[in-house]
Amino acid sequence: MPYIITDPCVSVCDAACVDVCPVDCIHGPEDTEGSGQEVKESGFDPEGKQLYIDADVCIDCDACVPVCPVDAIYEESDVPDEWNESIRKNYEFFGLEAP
């Protein structure tokens, strides 16, 4: 089951998760292919933006979970109810249909 980035990431976009992902499945907030590099660019404004995990690429290794400074990453089955909408957002960012 893939991991999902939830609401606490919004307006933070810390790229620690990007740096540890062994399969480069974390992207965004705008580029579905850029491995989150846009958040590292000078002048990047994270306001209202977040990173996303590509469910088709995620290998469920959980390397991203302990490095997230805002505890925004959960296994899909463990996403708290109040952030359940994040599941749909993560899938749709990559043009996928949410389960």
PDB file of N, CA and C in Angstrom:
ATOM      1  N   MET A   1       0.846  -1.168   0.000  1.00  0.00           N
ATOM      2  CA  MET A   1       0.000   0.000   0.000  1.00  0.00           C
ATOM      3  C   MET A   1       0.897   1.238   0.000  1.00  0.00           C
ATOM      4  N   PRO A   2       0.652   2.186  -0.890  1.00  0.00           N
ATOM      5  CA  PRO A   2       1.527   3.365  -0.991  1.00  0.00           C
ATOM      6  C   PRO A   2       1.353   4.318   0.193  1.00  0.00           C
ATOM      7  N   TYR A   3       2.312   5.192   0.310  1.00  0.00           N
ATOM      8  CA  TYR A   3       2.246   6.243   1.318  1.00  0.00           C
ATOM      9  C   TYR A   3       1.580   7.473   0.712  1.00  0.00           C
ATOM     10  N   ILE A   4       0.991   8.290   1.576  1.00  0.00           N
ATOM     11  CA  ILE A   4       0.244   9.477   1.165  1.00  0.00           C
ATOM     12  C   ILE A   4       0.778  10.669   1.941  1.00  0.00           C
ATOM     13  N   ILE A   5       0.972  11.784   1.269  1.00  0.00           N
ATOM     14  CA  ILE A   5       1.345  13.020   1.950  1.00  0.00           C
ATOM     15  C   ILE A   5       0.057  13.783   2.241  1.00  0.00           C
ATOM     16  N   THR A   6      -0.118  14.161   3.498  1.00  0.00           N
ATOM     17  CA  THR A   6      -1.373  14.762   3.954  1.00  0.00           C
ATOM     18  C   THR A   6      -1.236  16.266   4.211  1.00  0.00           C
ATOM     19  N   ASP A   7      -2.327  16.854   4.684  1.00  0.00           N
ATOM     20  CA  ASP A   7      -2.460  18.302   4.861  1.00  0.00           C
ATOM     21  C   ASP A   7      -1.337  19.012   5.624  1.00  0.00           C
ATOM     22  N   PRO A   8      -0.699  18.413   6.624  1.00  0.00           N
ATOM     23  CA  PRO A   8       0.362  19.159   7.307  1.00  0.00           C
ATOM     24  C   PRO A   8       1.499  19.607   6.388  1.00  0.00           C
ATOM     25  N   CYS A   9       1.625  19.010   5.216  1.00  0.00           N
ATOM     26  CA  CYS A   9       2.662  19.408   4.261  1.00  0.00           C
ATOM     27  C   CYS A   9       2.314  20.725   3.561  1.00  0.00           C
ATOM     28  N   VAL A  10       1.027  21.051   3.499  1.00  0.00           N
ATOM     29  CA  VAL A  10       0.595  22.260   2.794  1.00  0.00           C
ATOM     30  C   VAL A  10       1.288  23.489   3.387  1.00  0.00           C
ATOM     31  N   SER A  11       1.868  24.263   2.515  1.00  0.00           N
ATOM     32  CA  SER A  11       2.605  25.495   2.827  1.00  0.00           C
ATOM     33  C   SER A  11       3.943  25.241   3.525  1.00  0.00           C
ATOM     34  N   VAL A  12       4.368  23.972   3.587  1.00  0.00           N
ATOM     35  CA  VAL A  12       5.672  23.637   4.162  1.00  0.00           C
ATOM     36  C   VAL A  12       6.608  23.154   3.050  1.00  0.00           C
ATOM     37  N   CYS A  13       6.218  22.090   2.374  1.00  0.00           N
ATOM     38  CA  CYS A  13       6.986  21.525   1.252  1.00  0.00           C
ATOM     39  C   CYS A  13       8.449  21.279   1.591  1.00  0.00           C
ATOM     40  N   ASP A  14       8.725  20.764   2.774  1.00  0.00           N
ATOM     41  CA  ASP A  14      10.091  20.410   3.130  1.00  0.00           C
ATOM     42  C   ASP A  14      10.504  19.226   2.254  1.00  0.00           C
ATOM     43  N   ALA A  15      11.684  19.279   1.688  1.00  0.00           N
ATOM     44  CA  ALA A  15      12.108  18.266   0.728  1.00  0.00           C
ATOM     45  C   ALA A  15      12.929  17.138   1.346  1.00  0.00           C
ATOM     46  N   ALA A  16      12.923  17.007   2.650  1.00  0.00           N
ATOM     47  CA  ALA A  16      13.677  15.924   3.287  1.00  0.00           C
ATOM     48  C   ALA A  16      13.207  14.574   2.773  1.00  0.00           C
ATOM     49  N   CYS A  17      11.903  14.440   2.552  1.00  0.00           N
ATOM     50  CA  CYS A  17      11.350  13.178   2.053  1.00  0.00           C
ATOM     51  C   CYS A  17      11.848  12.876   0.640  1.00  0.00           C
ATOM     52  N   VAL A  18      11.965  13.910  -0.159  1.00  0.00           N
ATOM     53  CA  VAL A  18      12.455  13.762  -1.534  1.00  0.00           C
ATOM     54  C   VAL A  18      13.877  13.213  -1.510  1.00  0.00           C
ATOM     55  N   ASP A  19      14.683  13.752  -0.619  1.00  0.00           N
ATOM     56  CA  ASP A  19      16.096  13.383  -0.552  1.00  0.00           C
ATOM     57  C   ASP A  19      16.332  11.930  -0.156  1.00  0.00           C
ATOM     58  N   VAL A  20      15.412  11.328   0.604  1.00  0.00           N
ATOM     59  CA  VAL A  20      15.626   9.953   1.062  1.00  0.00           C
ATOM     60  C   VAL A  20      14.878   8.903   0.251  1.00  0.00           C
ATOM     61  N   CYS A  21      14.009   9.307  -0.628  1.00  0.00           N
ATOM     62  CA  CYS A  21      13.210   8.347  -1.398  1.00  0.00           C
ATOM     63  C   CYS A  21      14.100   7.581  -2.391  1.00  0.00           C
ATOM     64  N   PRO A  22      14.181   6.261  -2.258  1.00  0.00           N
ATOM     65  CA  PRO A  22      15.058   5.483  -3.131  1.00  0.00           C
ATOM     66  C   PRO A  22      14.530   5.304  -4.559  1.00  0.00           C
ATOM     67  N   VAL A  23      13.254   5.604  -4.790  1.00  0.00           N
ATOM     68  CA  VAL A  23      12.686   5.404  -6.123  1.00  0.00           C
ATOM     69  C   VAL A  23      12.152   6.695  -6.748  1.00  0.00           C
ATOM     70  N   ASP A  24      12.450   7.835  -6.150  1.00  0.00           N
ATOM     71  CA  ASP A  24      12.027   9.137  -6.674  1.00  0.00           C
ATOM     72  C   ASP A  24      10.531   9.187  -6.975  1.00  0.00           C
ATOM     73  N   CYS A  25       9.726   8.796  -6.004  1.00  0.00           N
ATOM     74  CA  CYS A  25       8.275   8.816  -6.219  1.00  0.00           C
ATOM     75  C   CYS A  25       7.606  10.058  -5.660  1.00  0.00           C
ATOM     76  N   ILE A  26       8.373  10.955  -5.036  1.00  0.00           N
ATOM     77  CA  ILE A  26       7.801  12.165  -4.438  1.00  0.00           C
ATOM     78  C   ILE A  26       8.045  13.336  -5.374  1.00  0.00           C
ATOM     79  N   HIS A  27       6.948  13.995  -5.736  1.00  0.00           N
ATOM     80  CA  HIS A  27       7.013  15.092  -6.703  1.00  0.00           C
ATOM     81  C   HIS A  27       6.143  16.252  -6.241  1.00  0.00           C
ATOM     82  N   GLY A  28       6.195  17.304  -7.047  1.00  0.00           N
ATOM     83  CA  GLY A  28       5.326  18.434  -6.784  1.00  0.00           C
ATOM     84  C   GLY A  28       6.114  19.622  -6.288  1.00  0.00           C
ATOM     85  N   PRO A  29       5.416  20.658  -6.006  1.00  0.00           N
ATOM     86  CA  PRO A  29       3.966  20.781  -5.967  1.00  0.00           C
ATOM     87  C   PRO A  29       3.304  21.009  -7.321  1.00  0.00           C
ATOM     88  N   GLU A  30       4.121  21.259  -8.363  1.00  0.00           N
ATOM     89  CA  GLU A  30       3.526  21.500  -9.678  1.00  0.00           C
ATOM     90  C   GLU A  30       3.973  20.492 -10.731  1.00  0.00           C
ATOM     91  N   ASP A  31       5.205  20.039 -10.640  1.00  0.00           N
ATOM     92  CA  ASP A  31       5.794  19.153 -11.641  1.00  0.00           C
ATOM     93  C   ASP A  31       5.636  17.690 -11.208  1.00  0.00           C
ATOM     94  N   THR A  32       4.944  16.899 -12.019  1.00  0.00           N
ATOM     95  CA  THR A  32       4.725  15.483 -11.695  1.00  0.00           C
ATOM     96  C   THR A  32       5.949  14.619 -11.981  1.00  0.00           C
ATOM     97  N   GLU A  33       6.980  15.192 -12.563  1.00  0.00           N
ATOM     98  CA  GLU A  33       8.173  14.425 -12.923  1.00  0.00           C
ATOM     99  C   GLU A  33       9.433  14.930 -12.236  1.00  0.00           C
ATOM    100  N   GLY A  34       9.409  16.064 -11.597  1.00  0.00           N
ATOM    101  CA  GLY A  34      10.628  16.745 -11.149  1.00  0.00           C
ATOM    102  C   GLY A  34      11.224  16.334  -9.825  1.00  0.00           C
ATOM    103  N   SER A  35      10.758  15.269  -9.224  1.00  0.00           N
ATOM    104  CA  SER A  35      11.280  14.800  -7.941  1.00  0.00           C
ATOM    105  C   SER A  35      11.366  15.917  -6.906  1.00  0.00           C
ATOM    106  N   GLY A  36      10.395  16.790  -6.901  1.00  0.00           N
ATOM    107  CA  GLY A  36      10.323  17.840  -5.894  1.00  0.00           C
ATOM    108  C   GLY A  36      11.401  18.895  -5.965  1.00  0.00           C
ATOM    109  N   GLN A  37      12.157  18.915  -7.052  1.00  0.00           N
ATOM    110  CA  GLN A  37      13.267  19.862  -7.146  1.00  0.00           C
ATOM    111  C   GLN A  37      12.800  21.318  -7.123  1.00  0.00           C
ATOM    112  N   GLU A  38      11.586  21.574  -7.565  1.00  0.00           N
ATOM    113  CA  GLU A  38      11.109  22.956  -7.608  1.00  0.00           C
ATOM    114  C   GLU A  38      11.040  23.591  -6.223  1.00  0.00           C
ATOM    115  N   VAL A  39      10.847  22.781  -5.172  1.00  0.00           N
ATOM    116  CA  VAL A  39      10.788  23.344  -3.821  1.00  0.00           C
ATOM    117  C   VAL A  39      12.162  23.771  -3.332  1.00  0.00           C
ATOM    118  N   LYS A  40      13.199  23.303  -3.991  1.00  0.00           N
ATOM    119  CA  LYS A  40      14.568  23.649  -3.607  1.00  0.00           C
ATOM    120  C   LYS A  40      15.100  24.874  -4.343  1.00  0.00           C
ATOM    121  N   GLU A  41      14.338  25.365  -5.309  1.00  0.00           N
ATOM    122  CA  GLU A  41      14.781  26.512  -6.094  1.00  0.00           C
ATOM    123  C   GLU A  41      14.674  27.799  -5.286  1.00  0.00           C
ATOM    124  N   SER A  42      15.630  28.671  -5.478  1.00  0.00           N
ATOM    125  CA  SER A  42      15.629  29.961  -4.797  1.00  0.00           C
ATOM    126  C   SER A  42      14.352  30.725  -5.135  1.00  0.00           C
ATOM    127  N   GLY A  43      13.734  31.280  -4.120  1.00  0.00           N
ATOM    128  CA  GLY A  43      12.526  32.068  -4.323  1.00  0.00           C
ATOM    129  C   GLY A  43      11.246  31.260  -4.342  1.00  0.00           C
ATOM    130  N   PHE A  44      11.326  29.945  -4.157  1.00  0.00           N
ATOM    131  CA  PHE A  44      10.122  29.120  -4.146  1.00  0.00           C
ATOM    132  C   PHE A  44       9.223  29.534  -2.988  1.00  0.00           C
ATOM    133  N   ASP A  45       7.937  29.737  -3.270  1.00  0.00           N
ATOM    134  CA  ASP A  45       6.957  30.104  -2.249  1.00  0.00           C
ATOM    135  C   ASP A  45       6.029  28.914  -2.030  1.00  0.00           C
ATOM    136  N   PRO A  46       6.101  28.264  -0.869  1.00  0.00           N
ATOM    137  CA  PRO A  46       5.297  27.074  -0.624  1.00  0.00           C
ATOM    138  C   PRO A  46       3.832  27.354  -0.271  1.00  0.00           C
ATOM    139  N   GLU A  47       3.463  28.605  -0.129  1.00  0.00           N
ATOM    140  CA  GLU A  47       2.119  28.956   0.326  1.00  0.00           C
ATOM    141  C   GLU A  47       1.032  28.197  -0.452  1.00  0.00           C
ATOM    142  N   GLY A  48       0.251  27.409   0.260  1.00  0.00           N
ATOM    143  CA  GLY A  48      -0.861  26.667  -0.327  1.00  0.00           C
ATOM    144  C   GLY A  48      -0.469  25.457  -1.149  1.00  0.00           C
ATOM    145  N   LYS A  49       0.800  25.086  -1.141  1.00  0.00           N
ATOM    146  CA  LYS A  49       1.287  23.982  -1.965  1.00  0.00           C
ATOM    147  C   LYS A  49       1.786  22.833  -1.098  1.00  0.00           C
ATOM    148  N   GLN A  50       1.867  21.647  -1.708  1.00  0.00           N
ATOM    149  CA  GLN A  50       2.390  20.491  -0.997  1.00  0.00           C
ATOM    150  C   GLN A  50       3.066  19.544  -1.970  1.00  0.00           C
ATOM    151  N   LEU A  51       3.747  18.543  -1.433  1.00  0.00           N
ATOM    152  CA  LEU A  51       4.354  17.486  -2.228  1.00  0.00           C
ATOM    153  C   LEU A  51       3.394  16.307  -2.293  1.00  0.00           C
ATOM    154  N   TYR A  52       3.635  15.401  -3.249  1.00  0.00           N
ATOM    155  CA  TYR A  52       2.756  14.253  -3.461  1.00  0.00           C
ATOM    156  C   TYR A  52       3.586  13.002  -3.719  1.00  0.00           C
ATOM    157  N   ILE A  53       3.016  11.840  -3.407  1.00  0.00           N
ATOM    158  CA  ILE A  53       3.670  10.559  -3.652  1.00  0.00           C
ATOM    159  C   ILE A  53       2.932   9.823  -4.763  1.00  0.00           C
ATOM    160  N   ASP A  54       3.674   9.401  -5.776  1.00  0.00           N
ATOM    161  CA  ASP A  54       3.099   8.662  -6.897  1.00  0.00           C
ATOM    162  C   ASP A  54       2.869   7.216  -6.455  1.00  0.00           C
ATOM    163  N   ALA A  55       1.602   6.849  -6.305  1.00  0.00           N
ATOM    164  CA  ALA A  55       1.225   5.515  -5.817  1.00  0.00           C
ATOM    165  C   ALA A  55       1.717   4.397  -6.733  1.00  0.00           C
ATOM    166  N   ASP A  56       1.875   4.685  -8.019  1.00  0.00           N
ATOM    167  CA  ASP A  56       2.337   3.665  -8.957  1.00  0.00           C
ATOM    168  C   ASP A  56       3.836   3.401  -8.845  1.00  0.00           C
ATOM    169  N   VAL A  57       4.568   4.304  -8.207  1.00  0.00           N
ATOM    170  CA  VAL A  57       6.012   4.172  -8.098  1.00  0.00           C
ATOM    171  C   VAL A  57       6.449   3.835  -6.676  1.00  0.00           C
ATOM    172  N   CYS A  58       5.704   4.273  -5.700  1.00  0.00           N
ATOM    173  CA  CYS A  58       6.034   4.048  -4.289  1.00  0.00           C
ATOM    174  C   CYS A  58       6.215   2.553  -4.010  1.00  0.00           C
ATOM    175  N   ILE A  59       7.303   2.209  -3.320  1.00  0.00           N
ATOM    176  CA  ILE A  59       7.576   0.808  -2.986  1.00  0.00           C
ATOM    177  C   ILE A  59       7.278   0.516  -1.509  1.00  0.00           C
ATOM    178  N   ASP A  60       6.613   1.422  -0.855  1.00  0.00           N
ATOM    179  CA  ASP A  60       6.178   1.225   0.531  1.00  0.00           C
ATOM    180  C   ASP A  60       7.345   0.972   1.492  1.00  0.00           C
ATOM    181  N   CYS A  61       8.455   1.634   1.263  1.00  0.00           N
ATOM    182  CA  CYS A  61       9.640   1.391   2.088  1.00  0.00           C
ATOM    183  C   CYS A  61       9.615   2.163   3.397  1.00  0.00           C
ATOM    184  N   ASP A  62       8.870   3.240   3.455  1.00  0.00           N
ATOM    185  CA  ASP A  62       8.681   4.103   4.624  1.00  0.00           C
ATOM    186  C   ASP A  62       9.897   4.964   4.963  1.00  0.00           C
ATOM    187  N   ALA A  63      10.852   5.087   4.038  1.00  0.00           N
ATOM    188  CA  ALA A  63      12.032   5.930   4.274  1.00  0.00           C
ATOM    189  C   ALA A  63      11.654   7.394   4.487  1.00  0.00           C
ATOM    190  N   CYS A  64      10.567   7.826   3.881  1.00  0.00           N
ATOM    191  CA  CYS A  64      10.144   9.227   3.952  1.00  0.00           C
ATOM    192  C   CYS A  64       9.490   9.583   5.285  1.00  0.00           C
ATOM    193  N   VAL A  65       8.895   8.621   5.935  1.00  0.00           N
ATOM    194  CA  VAL A  65       8.098   8.886   7.145  1.00  0.00           C
ATOM    195  C   VAL A  65       8.915   9.522   8.269  1.00  0.00           C
ATOM    196  N   PRO A  66      10.035   8.942   8.680  1.00  0.00           N
ATOM    197  CA  PRO A  66      10.744   9.517   9.828  1.00  0.00           C
ATOM    198  C   PRO A  66      11.413  10.866   9.567  1.00  0.00           C
ATOM    199  N   VAL A  67      11.633  11.221   8.314  1.00  0.00           N
ATOM    200  CA  VAL A  67      12.308  12.498   8.035  1.00  0.00           C
ATOM    201  C   VAL A  67      11.345  13.666   7.837  1.00  0.00           C
ATOM    202  N   CYS A  68      10.067  13.398   7.739  1.00  0.00           N
ATOM    203  CA  CYS A  68       9.087  14.470   7.537  1.00  0.00           C
ATOM    204  C   CYS A  68       8.986  15.317   8.811  1.00  0.00           C
ATOM    205  N   PRO A  69       9.328  16.602   8.742  1.00  0.00           N
ATOM    206  CA  PRO A  69       9.335  17.426   9.949  1.00  0.00           C
ATOM    207  C   PRO A  69       7.948  17.786  10.481  1.00  0.00           C
ATOM    208  N   VAL A  70       6.905  17.541   9.685  1.00  0.00           N
ATOM    209  CA  VAL A  70       5.548  17.892  10.120  1.00  0.00           C
ATOM    210  C   VAL A  70       4.641  16.669  10.231  1.00  0.00           C
ATOM    211  N   ASP A  71       5.216  15.493  10.211  1.00  0.00           N
ATOM    212  CA  ASP A  71       4.461  14.238  10.342  1.00  0.00           C
ATOM    213  C   ASP A  71       3.266  14.182   9.394  1.00  0.00           C
ATOM    214  N   ALA A  72       3.534  14.429   8.127  1.00  0.00           N
ATOM    215  CA  ALA A  72       2.472  14.489   7.127  1.00  0.00           C
ATOM    216  C   ALA A  72       2.329  13.215   6.300  1.00  0.00           C
ATOM    217  N   ILE A  73       3.202  12.236   6.483  1.00  0.00           N
ATOM    218  CA  ILE A  73       3.221  11.072   5.606  1.00  0.00           C
ATOM    219  C   ILE A  73       2.713   9.831   6.336  1.00  0.00           C
ATOM    220  N   TYR A  74       1.723   9.185   5.719  1.00  0.00           N
ATOM    221  CA  TYR A  74       1.093   7.998   6.305  1.00  0.00           C
ATOM    222  C   TYR A  74       0.916   6.930   5.247  1.00  0.00           C
ATOM    223  N   GLU A  75       0.937   5.686   5.680  1.00  0.00           N
ATOM    224  CA  GLU A  75       0.542   4.618   4.789  1.00  0.00           C
ATOM    225  C   GLU A  75      -0.926   4.870   4.453  1.00  0.00           C
ATOM    226  N   GLU A  76      -1.311   4.611   3.225  1.00  0.00           N
ATOM    227  CA  GLU A  76      -2.673   4.954   2.766  1.00  0.00           C
ATOM    228  C   GLU A  76      -3.757   4.448   3.725  1.00  0.00           C
ATOM    229  N   SER A  77      -3.615   3.251   4.229  1.00  0.00           N
ATOM    230  CA  SER A  77      -4.633   2.685   5.119  1.00  0.00           C
ATOM    231  C   SER A  77      -4.651   3.345   6.497  1.00  0.00           C
ATOM    232  N   ASP A  78      -3.618   4.133   6.818  1.00  0.00           N
ATOM    233  CA  ASP A  78      -3.516   4.759   8.134  1.00  0.00           C
ATOM    234  C   ASP A  78      -3.732   6.275   8.127  1.00  0.00           C
ATOM    235  N   VAL A  79      -4.117   6.827   6.986  1.00  0.00           N
ATOM    236  CA  VAL A  79      -4.349   8.276   6.923  1.00  0.00           C
ATOM    237  C   VAL A  79      -5.479   8.635   7.892  1.00  0.00           C
ATOM    238  N   PRO A  80      -5.237   9.596   8.784  1.00  0.00           N
ATOM    239  CA  PRO A  80      -6.299  10.000   9.722  1.00  0.00           C
ATOM    240  C   PRO A  80      -7.532  10.513   8.973  1.00  0.00           C
ATOM    241  N   ASP A  81      -8.687  10.253   9.535  1.00  0.00           N
ATOM    242  CA  ASP A  81      -9.951  10.627   8.893  1.00  0.00           C
ATOM    243  C   ASP A  81      -9.996  12.082   8.456  1.00  0.00           C
ATOM    244  N   GLU A  82      -9.462  12.992   9.288  1.00  0.00           N
ATOM    245  CA  GLU A  82      -9.545  14.411   8.950  1.00  0.00           C
ATOM    246  C   GLU A  82      -8.721  14.781   7.720  1.00  0.00           C
ATOM    247  N   TRP A  83      -7.806  13.910   7.298  1.00  0.00           N
ATOM    248  CA  TRP A  83      -6.990  14.158   6.108  1.00  0.00           C
ATOM    249  C   TRP A  83      -7.268  13.152   4.999  1.00  0.00           C
ATOM    250  N   ASN A  84      -8.380  12.479   5.077  1.00  0.00           N
ATOM    251  CA  ASN A  84      -8.743  11.459   4.098  1.00  0.00           C
ATOM    252  C   ASN A  84      -8.787  11.996   2.664  1.00  0.00           C
ATOM    253  N   GLU A  85      -9.124  13.260   2.501  1.00  0.00           N
ATOM    254  CA  GLU A  85      -9.174  13.884   1.179  1.00  0.00           C
ATOM    255  C   GLU A  85      -7.781  13.904   0.524  1.00  0.00           C
ATOM    256  N   SER A  86      -6.748  13.824   1.325  1.00  0.00           N
ATOM    257  CA  SER A  86      -5.375  13.806   0.803  1.00  0.00           C
ATOM    258  C   SER A  86      -5.121  12.591  -0.081  1.00  0.00           C
ATOM    259  N   ILE A  87      -5.805  11.504   0.180  1.00  0.00           N
ATOM    260  CA  ILE A  87      -5.637  10.308  -0.650  1.00  0.00           C
ATOM    261  C   ILE A  87      -6.034  10.627  -2.084  1.00  0.00           C
ATOM    262  N   ARG A  88      -7.205  11.205  -2.251  1.00  0.00           N
ATOM    263  CA  ARG A  88      -7.672  11.577  -3.588  1.00  0.00           C
ATOM    264  C   ARG A  88      -6.711  12.576  -4.234  1.00  0.00           C
ATOM    265  N   LYS A  89      -6.282  13.576  -3.493  1.00  0.00           N
ATOM    266  CA  LYS A  89      -5.381  14.606  -4.032  1.00  0.00           C
ATOM    267  C   LYS A  89      -4.082  13.995  -4.537  1.00  0.00           C
ATOM    268  N   ASN A  90      -3.506  13.066  -3.758  1.00  0.00           N
ATOM    269  CA  ASN A  90      -2.251  12.440  -4.176  1.00  0.00           C
ATOM    270  C   ASN A  90      -2.427  11.663  -5.470  1.00  0.00           C
ATOM    271  N   TYR A  91      -3.471  10.876  -5.567  1.00  0.00           N
ATOM    272  CA  TYR A  91      -3.712  10.105  -6.791  1.00  0.00           C
ATOM    273  C   TYR A  91      -3.981  11.021  -7.977  1.00  0.00           C
ATOM    274  N   GLU A  92      -4.847  11.995  -7.799  1.00  0.00           N
ATOM    275  CA  GLU A  92      -5.238  12.872  -8.909  1.00  0.00           C
ATOM    276  C   GLU A  92      -4.089  13.741  -9.398  1.00  0.00           C
ATOM    277  N   PHE A  93      -3.150  14.089  -8.533  1.00  0.00           N
ATOM    278  CA  PHE A  93      -1.997  14.884  -8.959  1.00  0.00           C
ATOM    279  C   PHE A  93      -1.249  14.180 -10.094  1.00  0.00           C
ATOM    280  N   PHE A  94      -1.245  12.854 -10.043  1.00  0.00           N
ATOM    281  CA  PHE A  94      -0.535  12.069 -11.063  1.00  0.00           C
ATOM    282  C   PHE A  94      -1.474  11.537 -12.148  1.00  0.00           C
ATOM    283  N   GLY A  95      -2.715  12.022 -12.161  1.00  0.00           N
ATOM    284  CA  GLY A  95      -3.671  11.579 -13.186  1.00  0.00           C
ATOM    285  C   GLY A  95      -4.199  10.183 -12.943  1.00  0.00           C
ATOM    286  N   LEU A  96      -4.116   9.732 -11.692  1.00  0.00           N
ATOM    287  CA  LEU A  96      -4.575   8.399 -11.342  1.00  0.00           C
ATOM    288  C   LEU A  96      -5.945   8.497 -10.664  1.00  0.00           C
ATOM    289  N   GLU A  97      -6.677   7.412 -10.724  1.00  0.00           N
ATOM    290  CA  GLU A  97      -7.964   7.376 -10.048  1.00  0.00           C
ATOM    291  C   GLU A  97      -7.756   6.839  -8.637  1.00  0.00           C
ATOM    292  N   ALA A  98      -8.288   7.558  -7.672  1.00  0.00           N
ATOM    293  CA  ALA A  98      -8.159   7.133  -6.276  1.00  0.00           C
ATOM    294  C   ALA A  98      -8.991   5.874  -6.048  1.00  0.00           C
ATOM    295  N   PRO A  99      -8.514   4.997  -5.177  1.00  0.00           N
ATOM    296  CA  PRO A  99      -9.254   3.762  -4.899  1.00  0.00           C
ATOM    297  C   PRO A  99     -10.563   4.043  -4.175  1.00  0.00           C
TER     298      PRO A  99
END
